[in-house]
Amino acid sequence: MAAAINTPVIMTDVHDMDFGNIAPRGNSGTVVMSPGANAQCNTTGGVIHTGTCRAATFEGKVTFLFGLRVTGPTGNQINLSGPGGATMRLDNFTFGSGPGMLDFGVAGGSHRFWILNLDGSYTIHAGGTLHVAANQTPGVYTGTFDIRLNYD
């Protein structure tokens, strides 16, 4: 009989997701952010996007050559809160990897990565789809989301 104790999964929030400036033009639409170091924001429905487009970034360390399974928030969505109780839905969370990681894609509702960095370091980026109503109340919208990391 044998037992092995792995290094605990350590994670730090490096920077938050930022969709920049958004303006609906009389139609509802979306802003879809890619999950990468150089995130891209693409719009639908006539929504105008300018400025920053930055995916959330998390860094940490795990045991070298182990798999890491990343799961987004419950239901894969959250609501952002704005002025006067206005909300916008953020859903379809997607995850991408930094250097020194193999990306195995989504399996069973989680995104799977393999850590190849000798020191066990990793970087994970999160993107998603922001739903903007045609008459969205102007102002700043904020929210938080949880992700879960597990050895795979």
C-alpha atoms as a PDB file:
ATOM      1  CA  MET A   1       0.000   0.000   0.000  1.00  0.00           C
ATOM      2  CA  ALA A   2       1.196   3.533  -0.777  1.00  0.00           C
ATOM      3  CA  ALA A   3      -0.064   7.089  -0.529  1.00  0.00           C
ATOM      4  CA  ALA A   4       1.125  10.308  -2.164  1.00  0.00           C
ATOM      5  CA  ILE A   5       0.310  13.817  -0.972  1.00  0.00           C
ATOM      6  CA  ASN A   6       0.236  16.415  -3.755  1.00  0.00           C
ATOM      7  CA  THR A   7       1.070  20.078  -3.415  1.00  0.00           C
ATOM      8  CA  PRO A   8      -2.139  22.050  -2.729  1.00  0.00           C
ATOM      9  CA  VAL A   9      -3.542  23.954  -5.697  1.00  0.00           C
ATOM     10  CA  ILE A  10      -2.576  27.607  -5.217  1.00  0.00           C
ATOM     11  CA  MET A  11      -4.241  30.379  -7.218  1.00  0.00           C
ATOM     12  CA  THR A  12      -3.968  34.183  -7.304  1.00  0.00           C
ATOM     13  CA  ASP A  13      -6.314  36.589  -9.108  1.00  0.00           C
ATOM     14  CA  VAL A  14      -3.915  38.624 -11.271  1.00  0.00           C
ATOM     15  CA  HIS A  15      -6.484  40.894 -12.923  1.00  0.00           C
ATOM     16  CA  ASP A  16     -10.203  41.099 -13.438  1.00  0.00           C
ATOM     17  CA  MET A  17     -12.205  40.726 -16.618  1.00  0.00           C
ATOM     18  CA  ASP A  18     -12.792  44.090 -18.334  1.00  0.00           C
ATOM     19  CA  PHE A  19     -15.202  44.501 -21.262  1.00  0.00           C
ATOM     20  CA  GLY A  20     -14.288  48.164 -21.841  1.00  0.00           C
ATOM     21  CA  ASN A  21     -16.878  50.631 -23.159  1.00  0.00           C
ATOM     22  CA  ILE A  22     -20.100  49.301 -24.670  1.00  0.00           C
ATOM     23  CA  ALA A  23     -23.001  51.089 -26.368  1.00  0.00           C
ATOM     24  CA  PRO A  24     -26.170  49.425 -27.663  1.00  0.00           C
ATOM     25  CA  ARG A  25     -27.557  51.019 -30.843  1.00  0.00           C
ATOM     26  CA  GLY A  26     -31.234  50.347 -30.290  1.00  0.00           C
ATOM     27  CA  ASN A  27     -30.803  46.566 -30.482  1.00  0.00           C
ATOM     28  CA  SER A  28     -29.812  44.025 -27.893  1.00  0.00           C
ATOM     29  CA  GLY A  29     -26.619  42.124 -28.552  1.00  0.00           C
ATOM     30  CA  THR A  30     -23.568  40.522 -27.025  1.00  0.00           C
ATOM     31  CA  VAL A  31     -19.902  41.131 -26.422  1.00  0.00           C
ATOM     32  CA  VAL A  32     -17.983  37.860 -26.664  1.00  0.00           C
ATOM     33  CA  MET A  33     -14.548  37.917 -24.999  1.00  0.00           C
ATOM     34  CA  SER A  34     -11.921  35.321 -25.883  1.00  0.00           C
ATOM     35  CA  PRO A  35      -9.925  33.792 -22.997  1.00  0.00           C
ATOM     36  CA  GLY A  36      -6.324  34.768 -23.655  1.00  0.00           C
ATOM     37  CA  ALA A  37      -3.457  37.048 -22.752  1.00  0.00           C
ATOM     38  CA  ASN A  38      -4.468  39.224 -25.712  1.00  0.00           C
ATOM     39  CA  ALA A  39      -8.238  38.851 -25.427  1.00  0.00           C
ATOM     40  CA  GLN A  40     -10.473  39.919 -28.292  1.00  0.00           C
ATOM     41  CA  CYS A  41     -14.014  41.270 -27.913  1.00  0.00           C
ATOM     42  CA  ASN A  42     -16.431  40.630 -30.771  1.00  0.00           C
ATOM     43  CA  THR A  43     -19.937  42.075 -30.818  1.00  0.00           C
ATOM     44  CA  THR A  44     -23.338  41.063 -32.206  1.00  0.00           C
ATOM     45  CA  GLY A  45     -26.634  42.880 -32.680  1.00  0.00           C
ATOM     46  CA  GLY A  46     -25.172  46.298 -33.442  1.00  0.00           C
ATOM     47  CA  VAL A  47     -23.485  46.691 -30.046  1.00  0.00           C
ATOM     48  CA  ILE A  48     -20.493  49.023 -30.244  1.00  0.00           C
ATOM     49  CA  HIS A  49     -17.353  48.171 -28.255  1.00  0.00           C
ATOM     50  CA  THR A  50     -14.344  50.428 -27.706  1.00  0.00           C
ATOM     51  CA  GLY A  51     -11.404  50.447 -25.352  1.00  0.00           C
ATOM     52  CA  THR A  52     -10.126  47.706 -23.092  1.00  0.00           C
ATOM     53  CA  CYS A  53     -10.837  44.038 -23.655  1.00  0.00           C
ATOM     54  CA  ARG A  54      -9.048  42.050 -20.983  1.00  0.00           C
ATOM     55  CA  ALA A  55      -9.776  38.494 -19.909  1.00  0.00           C
ATOM     56  CA  ALA A  56      -9.580  37.605 -16.220  1.00  0.00           C
ATOM     57  CA  THR A  57      -6.212  36.068 -15.370  1.00  0.00           C
ATOM     58  CA  PHE A  58      -5.309  33.651 -12.594  1.00  0.00           C
ATOM     59  CA  GLU A  59      -1.846  32.307 -11.760  1.00  0.00           C
ATOM     60  CA  GLY A  60      -0.552  29.703  -9.387  1.00  0.00           C
ATOM     61  CA  LYS A  61       1.427  26.534  -8.798  1.00  0.00           C
ATOM     62  CA  VAL A  62       0.585  22.861  -8.685  1.00  0.00           C
ATOM     63  CA  THR A  63       2.533  19.616  -8.919  1.00  0.00           C
ATOM     64  CA  PHE A  64       4.563  19.378 -12.155  1.00  0.00           C
ATOM     65  CA  LEU A  65       3.089  17.114 -14.851  1.00  0.00           C
ATOM     66  CA  PHE A  66      -0.334  16.986 -13.269  1.00  0.00           C
ATOM     67  CA  GLY A  67      -3.614  17.772 -14.919  1.00  0.00           C
ATOM     68  CA  LEU A  68      -5.730  20.644 -13.736  1.00  0.00           C
ATOM     69  CA  ARG A  69      -9.515  20.788 -14.121  1.00  0.00           C
ATOM     70  CA  VAL A  70     -11.151  24.256 -14.153  1.00  0.00           C
ATOM     71  CA  THR A  71     -14.875  24.693 -13.570  1.00  0.00           C
ATOM     72  CA  GLY A  72     -16.715  28.006 -13.932  1.00  0.00           C
ATOM     73  CA  PRO A  73     -19.489  29.432 -11.781  1.00  0.00           C
ATOM     74  CA  THR A  74     -22.620  27.422 -11.029  1.00  0.00           C
ATOM     75  CA  GLY A  75     -24.818  27.346 -14.130  1.00  0.00           C
ATOM     76  CA  ASN A  76     -21.919  28.858 -16.116  1.00  0.00           C
ATOM     77  CA  GLN A  77     -23.373  32.346 -15.626  1.00  0.00           C
ATOM     78  CA  ILE A  78     -23.546  35.338 -13.281  1.00  0.00           C
ATOM     79  CA  ASN A  79     -25.365  38.675 -13.247  1.00  0.00           C
ATOM     80  CA  LEU A  80     -23.456  41.949 -13.213  1.00  0.00           C
ATOM     81  CA  SER A  81     -25.079  44.729 -11.168  1.00  0.00           C
ATOM     82  CA  GLY A  82     -25.335  48.295 -12.414  1.00  0.00           C
ATOM     83  CA  PRO A  83     -27.010  51.587 -11.568  1.00  0.00           C
ATOM     84  CA  GLY A  84     -30.517  51.537 -10.103  1.00  0.00           C
ATOM     85  CA  GLY A  85     -30.613  47.740  -9.871  1.00  0.00           C
ATOM     86  CA  ALA A  86     -29.997  47.187 -13.605  1.00  0.00           C
ATOM     87  CA  THR A  87     -28.261  43.905 -14.504  1.00  0.00           C
ATOM     88  CA  MET A  88     -26.451  42.250 -17.399  1.00  0.00           C
ATOM     89  CA  ARG A  89     -25.886  38.490 -17.724  1.00  0.00           C
ATOM     90  CA  LEU A  90     -22.388  37.115 -18.266  1.00  0.00           C
ATOM     91  CA  ASP A  91     -22.407  33.485 -19.378  1.00  0.00           C
ATOM     92  CA  ASN A  92     -20.665  30.891 -21.527  1.00  0.00           C
ATOM     93  CA  PHE A  93     -17.454  31.177 -19.504  1.00  0.00           C
ATOM     94  CA  THR A  94     -14.467  29.899 -21.464  1.00  0.00           C
ATOM     95  CA  PHE A  95     -10.935  29.222 -20.257  1.00  0.00           C
ATOM     96  CA  GLY A  96      -7.558  29.424 -21.972  1.00  0.00           C
ATOM     97  CA  SER A  97      -4.041  28.623 -20.860  1.00  0.00           C
ATOM     98  CA  GLY A  98      -0.783  30.461 -20.605  1.00  0.00           C
ATOM     99  CA  PRO A  99       2.651  29.176 -21.675  1.00  0.00           C
ATOM    100  CA  GLY A 100       3.851  25.779 -20.501  1.00  0.00           C
ATOM    101  CA  MET A 101       0.430  24.168 -20.481  1.00  0.00           C
ATOM    102  CA  LEU A 102      -1.379  21.736 -22.755  1.00  0.00           C
ATOM    103  CA  ASP A 103      -5.042  22.531 -23.342  1.00  0.00           C
ATOM    104  CA  PHE A 104      -7.256  19.439 -23.594  1.00  0.00           C
ATOM    105  CA  GLY A 105     -10.498  21.394 -23.955  1.00  0.00           C
ATOM    106  CA  VAL A 106     -13.809  20.857 -22.195  1.00  0.00           C
ATOM    107  CA  ALA A 107     -14.808  17.477 -20.764  1.00  0.00           C
ATOM    108  CA  GLY A 108     -17.710  16.850 -18.400  1.00  0.00           C
ATOM    109  CA  GLY A 109     -18.397  20.547 -17.831  1.00  0.00           C
ATOM    110  CA  SER A 110     -14.792  21.372 -16.876  1.00  0.00           C
ATOM    111  CA  HIS A 111     -11.853  22.638 -18.885  1.00  0.00           C
ATOM    112  CA  ARG A 112      -8.773  20.388 -18.668  1.00  0.00           C
ATOM    113  CA  PHE A 113      -5.119  21.485 -18.768  1.00  0.00           C
ATOM    114  CA  TRP A 114      -1.815  19.648 -18.278  1.00  0.00           C
ATOM    115  CA  ILE A 115       0.988  21.541 -16.478  1.00  0.00           C
ATOM    116  CA  LEU A 116       4.365  21.239 -18.230  1.00  0.00           C
ATOM    117  CA  ASN A 117       6.299  24.008 -16.464  1.00  0.00           C
ATOM    118  CA  LEU A 118       9.021  22.421 -14.316  1.00  0.00           C
ATOM    119  CA  ASP A 119       8.116  24.579 -11.332  1.00  0.00           C
ATOM    120  CA  GLY A 120       4.405  23.705 -11.665  1.00  0.00           C
ATOM    121  CA  SER A 121       3.425  27.300 -12.459  1.00  0.00           C
ATOM    122  CA  TYR A 122       0.322  27.964 -14.531  1.00  0.00           C
ATOM    123  CA  THR A 123      -1.713  30.829 -15.976  1.00  0.00           C
ATOM    124  CA  ILE A 124      -5.406  30.554 -16.783  1.00  0.00           C
ATOM    125  CA  HIS A 125      -7.473  33.175 -18.612  1.00  0.00           C
ATOM    126  CA  ALA A 126     -11.277  33.437 -18.447  1.00  0.00           C
ATOM    127  CA  GLY A 127     -13.575  34.974 -21.050  1.00  0.00           C
ATOM    128  CA  GLY A 128     -17.308  34.822 -21.673  1.00  0.00           C
ATOM    129  CA  THR A 129     -20.367  36.337 -23.319  1.00  0.00           C
ATOM    130  CA  LEU A 130     -21.891  39.559 -21.990  1.00  0.00           C
ATOM    131  CA  HIS A 131     -25.569  40.136 -22.913  1.00  0.00           C
ATOM    132  CA  VAL A 132     -26.446  43.803 -23.482  1.00  0.00           C
ATOM    133  CA  ALA A 133     -30.097  44.918 -23.697  1.00  0.00           C
ATOM    134  CA  ALA A 134     -31.226  47.468 -26.294  1.00  0.00           C
ATOM    135  CA  ASN A 135     -32.182  49.881 -23.503  1.00  0.00           C
ATOM    136  CA  GLN A 136     -29.377  48.965 -21.079  1.00  0.00           C
ATOM    137  CA  THR A 137     -29.067  51.542 -18.292  1.00  0.00           C
ATOM    138  CA  PRO A 138     -25.832  53.541 -18.733  1.00  0.00           C
ATOM    139  CA  GLY A 139     -23.207  53.186 -16.015  1.00  0.00           C
ATOM    140  CA  VAL A 140     -20.607  50.826 -14.599  1.00  0.00           C
ATOM    141  CA  TYR A 141     -21.591  47.174 -14.026  1.00  0.00           C
ATOM    142  CA  THR A 142     -19.686  44.896 -11.666  1.00  0.00           C
ATOM    143  CA  GLY A 143     -19.852  41.335 -10.443  1.00  0.00           C
ATOM    144  CA  THR A 144     -17.795  38.452  -9.142  1.00  0.00           C
ATOM    145  CA  PHE A 145     -17.522  34.825 -10.134  1.00  0.00           C
ATOM    146  CA  ASP A 146     -16.025  31.718  -8.630  1.00  0.00           C
ATOM    147  CA  ILE A 147     -13.975  29.120 -10.414  1.00  0.00           C
ATOM    148  CA  ARG A 148     -12.930  25.771  -9.005  1.00  0.00           C
ATOM    149  CA  LEU A 149      -9.549  24.174  -9.618  1.00  0.00           C
ATOM    150  CA  ASN A 150      -8.963  20.478  -9.023  1.00  0.00           C
ATOM    151  CA  TYR A 151      -6.248  18.029  -9.867  1.00  0.00           C
ATOM    152  CA  ASP A 152      -7.295  15.882 -12.795  1.00  0.00           C
END
